[in-house]
PDB file of N, CA and C in Angstrom:
ATOM      1  N   MET A   1       0.848  -1.168   0.000  1.00  0.00           N
ATOM      2  CA  MET A   1       0.000   0.000   0.000  1.00  0.00           C
ATOM      3  C   MET A   1       0.897   1.236   0.000  1.00  0.00           C
ATOM      4  N   ASP A   2       0.604   2.145  -0.905  1.00  0.00           N
ATOM      5  CA  ASP A   2       1.392   3.371  -0.980  1.00  0.00           C
ATOM      6  C   ASP A   2       0.728   4.477  -0.150  1.00  0.00           C
ATOM      7  N   TRP A   3       1.347   5.666  -0.179  1.00  0.00           N
ATOM      8  CA  TRP A   3       0.837   6.775   0.639  1.00  0.00           C
ATOM      9  C   TRP A   3      -0.557   7.208   0.203  1.00  0.00           C
ATOM     10  N   LYS A   4      -0.780   7.294  -1.086  1.00  0.00           N
ATOM     11  CA  LYS A   4      -2.104   7.691  -1.572  1.00  0.00           C
ATOM     12  C   LYS A   4      -3.137   6.615  -1.251  1.00  0.00           C
ATOM     13  N   GLY A   5      -2.723   5.367  -1.285  1.00  0.00           N
ATOM     14  CA  GLY A   5      -3.617   4.270  -0.910  1.00  0.00           C
ATOM     15  C   GLY A   5      -3.996   4.329   0.562  1.00  0.00           C
ATOM     16  N   GLN A   6      -3.042   4.703   1.419  1.00  0.00           N
ATOM     17  CA  GLN A   6      -3.344   4.859   2.840  1.00  0.00           C
ATOM     18  C   GLN A   6      -4.337   5.993   3.058  1.00  0.00           C
ATOM     19  N   LYS A   7      -4.145   7.077   2.324  1.00  0.00           N
ATOM     20  CA  LYS A   7      -5.068   8.213   2.436  1.00  0.00           C
ATOM     21  C   LYS A   7      -6.470   7.818   1.967  1.00  0.00           C
ATOM     22  N   LEU A   8      -6.542   7.072   0.866  1.00  0.00           N
ATOM     23  CA  LEU A   8      -7.825   6.603   0.357  1.00  0.00           C
ATOM     24  C   LEU A   8      -8.501   5.658   1.349  1.00  0.00           C
ATOM     25  N   ALA A   9      -7.733   4.739   1.931  1.00  0.00           N
ATOM     26  CA  ALA A   9      -8.296   3.803   2.911  1.00  0.00           C
ATOM     27  C   ALA A   9      -8.851   4.552   4.117  1.00  0.00           C
ATOM     28  N   GLU A  10      -8.135   5.569   4.569  1.00  0.00           N
ATOM     29  CA  GLU A  10      -8.600   6.358   5.710  1.00  0.00           C
ATOM     30  C   GLU A  10      -9.887   7.115   5.374  1.00  0.00           C
ATOM     31  N   LYS A  11      -9.949   7.695   4.172  1.00  0.00           N
ATOM     32  CA  LYS A  11     -11.166   8.406   3.758  1.00  0.00           C
ATOM     33  C   LYS A  11     -12.349   7.452   3.652  1.00  0.00           C
ATOM     34  N   LEU A  12     -12.123   6.293   3.026  1.00  0.00           N
ATOM     35  CA  LEU A  12     -13.201   5.308   2.903  1.00  0.00           C
ATOM     36  C   LEU A  12     -13.689   4.857   4.267  1.00  0.00           C
ATOM     37  N   TYR A  13     -12.761   4.591   5.171  1.00  0.00           N
ATOM     38  CA  TYR A  13     -13.105   4.131   6.512  1.00  0.00           C
ATOM     39  C   TYR A  13     -13.977   5.164   7.222  1.00  0.00           C
ATOM     40  N   ARG A  14     -13.559   6.410   7.163  1.00  0.00           N
ATOM     41  CA  ARG A  14     -14.323   7.467   7.834  1.00  0.00           C
ATOM     42  C   ARG A  14     -15.710   7.632   7.221  1.00  0.00           C
ATOM     43  N   TRP A  15     -15.786   7.677   5.891  1.00  0.00           N
ATOM     44  CA  TRP A  15     -17.072   7.879   5.236  1.00  0.00           C
ATOM     45  C   TRP A  15     -18.036   6.723   5.484  1.00  0.00           C
ATOM     46  N   ILE A  16     -17.523   5.504   5.433  1.00  0.00           N
ATOM     47  CA  ILE A  16     -18.386   4.349   5.693  1.00  0.00           C
ATOM     48  C   ILE A  16     -18.928   4.407   7.112  1.00  0.00           C
ATOM     49  N   LEU A  17     -18.071   4.731   8.070  1.00  0.00           N
ATOM     50  CA  LEU A  17     -18.533   4.796   9.454  1.00  0.00           C
ATOM     51  C   LEU A  17     -19.519   5.934   9.678  1.00  0.00           C
ATOM     52  N   VAL A  18     -19.256   7.092   9.089  1.00  0.00           N
ATOM     53  CA  VAL A  18     -20.169   8.229   9.268  1.00  0.00           C
ATOM     54  C   VAL A  18     -21.528   7.929   8.643  1.00  0.00           C
ATOM     55  N   VAL A  19     -21.520   7.425   7.417  1.00  0.00           N
ATOM     56  CA  VAL A  19     -22.790   7.154   6.729  1.00  0.00           C
ATOM     57  C   VAL A  19     -23.592   6.079   7.456  1.00  0.00           C
ATOM     58  N   THR A  20     -22.944   4.997   7.858  1.00  0.00           N
ATOM     59  CA  THR A  20     -23.697   3.934   8.543  1.00  0.00           C
ATOM     60  C   THR A  20     -24.134   4.369   9.938  1.00  0.00           C
ATOM     61  N   THR A  21     -23.359   5.230  10.588  1.00  0.00           N
ATOM     62  CA  THR A  21     -23.779   5.729  11.900  1.00  0.00           C
ATOM     63  C   THR A  21     -25.029   6.594  11.784  1.00  0.00           C
ATOM     64  N   VAL A  22     -25.022   7.516  10.835  1.00  0.00           N
ATOM     65  CA  VAL A  22     -26.201   8.374  10.640  1.00  0.00           C
ATOM     66  C   VAL A  22     -27.397   7.531  10.213  1.00  0.00           C
ATOM     67  N   PHE A  23     -27.186   6.635   9.256  1.00  0.00           N
ATOM     68  CA  PHE A  23     -28.267   5.774   8.788  1.00  0.00           C
ATOM     69  C   PHE A  23     -28.807   4.904   9.926  1.00  0.00           C
ATOM     70  N   GLY A  24     -27.891   4.309  10.698  1.00  0.00           N
ATOM     71  CA  GLY A  24     -28.314   3.466  11.815  1.00  0.00           C
ATOM     72  C   GLY A  24     -29.081   4.243  12.864  1.00  0.00           C
ATOM     73  N   PHE A  25     -28.625   5.464  13.156  1.00  0.00           N
ATOM     74  CA  PHE A  25     -29.336   6.274  14.141  1.00  0.00           C
ATOM     75  C   PHE A  25     -30.737   6.634  13.660  1.00  0.00           C
ATOM     76  N   VAL A  26     -30.842   7.053  12.407  1.00  0.00           N
ATOM     77  CA  VAL A  26     -32.146   7.442  11.862  1.00  0.00           C
ATOM     78  C   VAL A  26     -33.099   6.253  11.845  1.00  0.00           C
ATOM     79  N   VAL A  27     -32.631   5.111  11.364  1.00  0.00           N
ATOM     80  CA  VAL A  27     -33.490   3.916  11.306  1.00  0.00           C
ATOM     81  C   VAL A  27     -33.849   3.453  12.710  1.00  0.00           C
ATOM     82  N   GLY A  28     -32.887   3.447  13.615  1.00  0.00           N
ATOM     83  CA  GLY A  28     -33.164   3.035  14.991  1.00  0.00           C
ATOM     84  C   GLY A  28     -34.141   3.960  15.684  1.00  0.00           C
ATOM     85  N   TYR A  29     -34.012   5.252  15.436  1.00  0.00           N
ATOM     86  CA  TYR A  29     -34.933   6.218  16.024  1.00  0.00           C
ATOM     87  C   TYR A  29     -36.332   6.060  15.434  1.00  0.00           C
ATOM     88  N   TRP A  30     -36.388   5.883  14.129  1.00  0.00           N
ATOM     89  CA  TRP A  30     -37.677   5.752  13.443  1.00  0.00           C
ATOM     90  C   TRP A  30     -38.395   4.474  13.871  1.00  0.00           C
ATOM     91  N   GLN A  31     -37.650   3.379  13.979  1.00  0.00           N
ATOM     92  CA  GLN A  31     -38.235   2.096  14.372  1.00  0.00           C
ATOM     93  C   GLN A  31     -38.326   1.931  15.890  1.00  0.00           C
ATOM     94  N   GLU A  32     -37.687   2.859  16.625  1.00  0.00           N
ATOM     95  CA  GLU A  32     -37.612   2.777  18.083  1.00  0.00           C
ATOM     96  C   GLU A  32     -37.009   1.442  18.518  1.00  0.00           C
ATOM     97  N   ASP A  33     -35.888   1.113  17.904  1.00  0.00           N
ATOM     98  CA  ASP A  33     -35.238  -0.179  18.145  1.00  0.00           C
ATOM     99  C   ASP A  33     -33.727   0.031  18.273  1.00  0.00           C
ATOM    100  N   PHE A  34     -33.258  -0.008  19.498  1.00  0.00           N
ATOM    101  CA  PHE A  34     -31.837   0.203  19.758  1.00  0.00           C
ATOM    102  C   PHE A  34     -30.998  -0.947  19.198  1.00  0.00           C
ATOM    103  N   ALA A  35     -31.502  -2.167  19.298  1.00  0.00           N
ATOM    104  CA  ALA A  35     -30.763  -3.334  18.799  1.00  0.00           C
ATOM    105  C   ALA A  35     -30.566  -3.253  17.289  1.00  0.00           C
ATOM    106  N   LEU A  36     -31.574  -2.797  16.574  1.00  0.00           N
ATOM    107  CA  LEU A  36     -31.456  -2.635  15.124  1.00  0.00           C
ATOM    108  C   LEU A  36     -30.384  -1.599  14.784  1.00  0.00           C
ATOM    109  N   MET A  37     -30.360  -0.505  15.539  1.00  0.00           N
ATOM    110  CA  MET A  37     -29.347   0.510  15.323  1.00  0.00           C
ATOM    111  C   MET A  37     -27.943  -0.070  15.530  1.00  0.00           C
ATOM    112  N   MET A  38     -27.768  -0.846  16.576  1.00  0.00           N
ATOM    113  CA  MET A  38     -26.457  -1.440  16.851  1.00  0.00           C
ATOM    114  C   MET A  38     -26.074  -2.455  15.776  1.00  0.00           C
ATOM    115  N   GLN A  39     -27.038  -3.187  15.241  1.00  0.00           N
ATOM    116  CA  GLN A  39     -26.751  -4.138  14.163  1.00  0.00           C
ATOM    117  C   GLN A  39     -26.309  -3.407  12.901  1.00  0.00           C
ATOM    118  N   ILE A  40     -26.934  -2.284  12.597  1.00  0.00           N
ATOM    119  CA  ILE A  40     -26.534  -1.498  11.429  1.00  0.00           C
ATOM    120  C   ILE A  40     -25.127  -0.946  11.633  1.00  0.00           C
ATOM    121  N   LEU A  41     -24.838  -0.460  12.835  1.00  0.00           N
ATOM    122  CA  LEU A  41     -23.495   0.052  13.128  1.00  0.00           C
ATOM    123  C   LEU A  41     -22.452  -1.065  13.035  1.00  0.00           C
ATOM    124  N   ALA A  42     -22.777  -2.244  13.535  1.00  0.00           N
ATOM    125  CA  ALA A  42     -21.850  -3.378  13.454  1.00  0.00           C
ATOM    126  C   ALA A  42     -21.624  -3.793  12.003  1.00  0.00           C
ATOM    127  N   ALA A  43     -22.694  -3.767  11.202  1.00  0.00           N
ATOM    128  CA  ALA A  43     -22.554  -4.102   9.784  1.00  0.00           C
ATOM    129  C   ALA A  43     -21.679  -3.072   9.074  1.00  0.00           C
ATOM    130  N   GLY A  44     -21.840  -1.796   9.404  1.00  0.00           N
ATOM    131  CA  GLY A  44     -21.002  -0.751   8.810  1.00  0.00           C
ATOM    132  C   GLY A  44     -19.545  -0.899   9.208  1.00  0.00           C
ATOM    133  N   LEU A  45     -19.294  -1.218  10.463  1.00  0.00           N
ATOM    134  CA  LEU A  45     -17.922  -1.435  10.919  1.00  0.00           C
ATOM    135  C   LEU A  45     -17.309  -2.646  10.224  1.00  0.00           C
ATOM    136  N   SER A  46     -18.078  -3.715  10.085  1.00  0.00           N
ATOM    137  CA  SER A  46     -17.581  -4.907   9.396  1.00  0.00           C
ATOM    138  C   SER A  46     -17.273  -4.608   7.930  1.00  0.00           C
ATOM    139  N   LEU A  47     -18.155  -3.873   7.272  1.00  0.00           N
ATOM    140  CA  LEU A  47     -17.921  -3.487   5.885  1.00  0.00           C
ATOM    141  C   LEU A  47     -16.667  -2.630   5.753  1.00  0.00           C
ATOM    142  N   ALA A  48     -16.517  -1.674   6.652  1.00  0.00           N
ATOM    143  CA  ALA A  48     -15.335  -0.808   6.617  1.00  0.00           C
ATOM    144  C   ALA A  48     -14.054  -1.609   6.834  1.00  0.00           C
ATOM    145  N   CYS A  49     -14.092  -2.570   7.730  1.00  0.00           N
ATOM    146  CA  CYS A  49     -12.903  -3.401   7.979  1.00  0.00           C
ATOM    147  C   CYS A  49     -12.564  -4.266   6.767  1.00  0.00           C
ATOM    148  N   VAL A  50     -13.575  -4.839   6.122  1.00  0.00           N
ATOM    149  CA  VAL A  50     -13.331  -5.682   4.951  1.00  0.00           C
ATOM    150  C   VAL A  50     -12.770  -4.849   3.790  1.00  0.00           C
ATOM    151  N   ILE A  51     -13.238  -3.626   3.644  1.00  0.00           N
ATOM    152  CA  ILE A  51     -12.774  -2.783   2.540  1.00  0.00           C
ATOM    153  C   ILE A  51     -11.420  -2.153   2.833  1.00  0.00           C
ATOM    154  N   CYS A  52     -11.170  -1.775   4.083  1.00  0.00           N
ATOM    155  CA  CYS A  52     -10.001  -0.943   4.378  1.00  0.00           C
ATOM    156  C   CYS A  52      -8.798  -1.677   4.966  1.00  0.00           C
ATOM    157  N   ILE A  53      -8.980  -2.785   5.629  1.00  0.00           N
ATOM    158  CA  ILE A  53      -7.831  -3.432   6.265  1.00  0.00           C
ATOM    159  C   ILE A  53      -6.963  -4.228   5.289  1.00  0.00           C
ATOM    160  N   PRO A  54      -7.511  -5.093   4.423  1.00  0.00           N
ATOM    161  CA  PRO A  54      -6.626  -5.817   3.497  1.00  0.00           C
ATOM    162  C   PRO A  54      -5.961  -4.875   2.492  1.00  0.00           C
ATOM    163  N   ASP A  55      -4.819  -5.282   2.016  1.00  0.00           N
ATOM    164  CA  ASP A  55      -4.090  -4.476   1.027  1.00  0.00           C
ATOM    165  C   ASP A  55      -4.596  -4.841  -0.369  1.00  0.00           C
ATOM    166  N   TRP A  56      -5.735  -4.263  -0.735  1.00  0.00           N
ATOM    167  CA  TRP A  56      -6.325  -4.505  -2.043  1.00  0.00           C
ATOM    168  C   TRP A  56      -5.470  -3.845  -3.119  1.00  0.00           C
ATOM    169  N   PRO A  57      -5.494  -4.371  -4.358  1.00  0.00           N
ATOM    170  CA  PRO A  57      -4.654  -3.805  -5.428  1.00  0.00           C
ATOM    171  C   PRO A  57      -4.933  -2.332  -5.740  1.00  0.00           C
ATOM    172  N   PHE A  58      -6.153  -1.859  -5.543  1.00  0.00           N
ATOM    173  CA  PHE A  58      -6.430  -0.460  -5.877  1.00  0.00           C
ATOM    174  C   PHE A  58      -5.798   0.509  -4.875  1.00  0.00           C
ATOM    175  N   TYR A  59      -5.226  -0.001  -3.778  1.00  0.00           N
ATOM    176  CA  TYR A  59      -4.482   0.851  -2.849  1.00  0.00           C
ATOM    177  C   TYR A  59      -3.028   1.027  -3.272  1.00  0.00           C
ATOM    178  N   SER A  60      -2.595   0.291  -4.273  1.00  0.00           N
ATOM    179  CA  SER A  60      -1.185   0.339  -4.693  1.00  0.00           C
ATOM    180  C   SER A  60      -1.029   0.856  -6.115  1.00  0.00           C
ATOM    181  N   ARG A  61      -1.793   1.846  -6.481  1.00  0.00           N
ATOM    182  CA  ARG A  61      -1.728   2.395  -7.836  1.00  0.00           C
ATOM    183  C   ARG A  61      -0.549   3.329  -8.045  1.00  0.00           C
ATOM    184  N   ASN A  62       0.015   3.879  -6.994  1.00  0.00           N
ATOM    185  CA  ASN A  62       1.109   4.842  -7.090  1.00  0.00           C
ATOM    186  C   ASN A  62       2.318   4.334  -6.310  1.00  0.00           C
ATOM    187  N   PRO A  63       3.073   3.401  -6.892  1.00  0.00           N
ATOM    188  CA  PRO A  63       4.193   2.840  -6.146  1.00  0.00           C
ATOM    189  C   PRO A  63       5.278   3.889  -5.886  1.00  0.00           C
ATOM    190  N   ILE A  64       5.982   3.709  -4.794  1.00  0.00           N
ATOM    191  CA  ILE A  64       7.052   4.625  -4.411  1.00  0.00           C
ATOM    192  C   ILE A  64       8.318   4.245  -5.176  1.00  0.00           C
ATOM    193  N   LYS A  65       8.970   5.233  -5.776  1.00  0.00           N
ATOM    194  CA  LYS A  65      10.232   4.985  -6.482  1.00  0.00           C
ATOM    195  C   LYS A  65      11.374   5.236  -5.517  1.00  0.00           C
ATOM    196  N   TRP A  66      12.027   4.172  -5.133  1.00  0.00           N
ATOM    197  CA  TRP A  66      13.117   4.269  -4.175  1.00  0.00           C
ATOM    198  C   TRP A  66      14.422   4.586  -4.888  1.00  0.00           C
ATOM    199  N   ILE A  67      15.352   5.177  -4.175  1.00  0.00           N
ATOM    200  CA  ILE A  67      16.678   5.456  -4.702  1.00  0.00           C
ATOM    201  C   ILE A  67      17.427   4.125  -4.763  1.00  0.00           C
ATOM    202  N   PRO A  68      18.134   3.863  -5.886  1.00  0.00           N
ATOM    203  CA  PRO A  68      18.855   2.592  -5.964  1.00  0.00           C
ATOM    204  C   PRO A  68      19.982   2.522  -4.927  1.00  0.00           C
ATOM    205  N   VAL A  69      20.272   1.316  -4.513  1.00  0.00           N
ATOM    206  CA  VAL A  69      21.319   1.087  -3.511  1.00  0.00           C
ATOM    207  C   VAL A  69      22.673   1.329  -4.152  1.00  0.00           C
ATOM    208  N   SER A  70      23.498   2.121  -3.493  1.00  0.00           N
ATOM    209  CA  SER A  70      24.848   2.361  -4.023  1.00  0.00           C
ATOM    210  C   SER A  70      25.743   1.188  -3.637  1.00  0.00           C
ATOM    211  N   LYS A  71      26.679   0.869  -4.524  1.00  0.00           N
ATOM    212  CA  LYS A  71      27.551  -0.286  -4.292  1.00  0.00           C
ATOM    213  C   LYS A  71      28.951   0.155  -3.854  1.00  0.00           C
ATOM    214  N   LYS A  72      29.086   1.412  -3.430  1.00  0.00           N
ATOM    215  CA  LYS A  72      30.369   1.904  -2.952  1.00  0.00           C
ATOM    216  C   LYS A  72      30.628   1.374  -1.552  1.00  0.00           C
ATOM    217  N   PRO A  73      31.840   0.887  -1.303  1.00  0.00           N
ATOM    218  CA  PRO A  73      32.160   0.401   0.050  1.00  0.00           C
ATOM    219  C   PRO A  73      32.254   1.592   1.014  1.00  0.00           C
ATOM    220  N   LYS A  74      31.850   1.364   2.220  1.00  0.00           N
ATOM    221  CA  LYS A  74      31.951   2.409   3.235  1.00  0.00           C
ATOM    222  C   LYS A  74      33.374   2.497   3.758  1.00  0.00           C
ATOM    223  N   LYS A  75      33.827   3.709   4.028  1.00  0.00           N
ATOM    224  CA  LYS A  75      35.161   3.900   4.582  1.00  0.00           C
ATOM    225  C   LYS A  75      35.110   3.694   6.089  1.00  0.00           C
ATOM    226  N   ASN A  76      36.142   3.033   6.579  1.00  0.00           N
ATOM    227  CA  ASN A  76      36.262   2.802   8.022  1.00  0.00           C
ATOM    228  C   ASN A  76      36.927   4.024   8.646  1.00  0.00           C
ATOM    229  N   THR A  77      36.260   4.665   9.596  1.00  0.00           N
ATOM    230  CA  THR A  77      36.791   5.887  10.194  1.00  0.00           C
ATOM    231  C   THR A  77      37.442   5.631  11.552  1.00  0.00           C
ATOM    232  N   ASP A  78      37.867   4.423  11.824  1.00  0.00           N
ATOM    233  CA  ASP A  78      38.492   4.118  13.128  1.00  0.00           C
ATOM    234  C   ASP A  78      39.867   4.645  13.231  1.00  0.00           C
TER     235      ASP A  78
END
């Protein structure tokens, strides 16, 4: 996962949690069912974990270009 992929995962995680929290609260309030609200929140958390925790290929679209290793021997300064 590259830096942009980490940023994307964080944005997705936050948006999924915010949307499911608001949706769960509204549905739970409308139905007057606290357990239903908690189930919706748990489903949103599970969805966010499945989408954001594994290193899916779309998180690695911008690979980091590292500097090549130099083959010069180090000088001993003793």
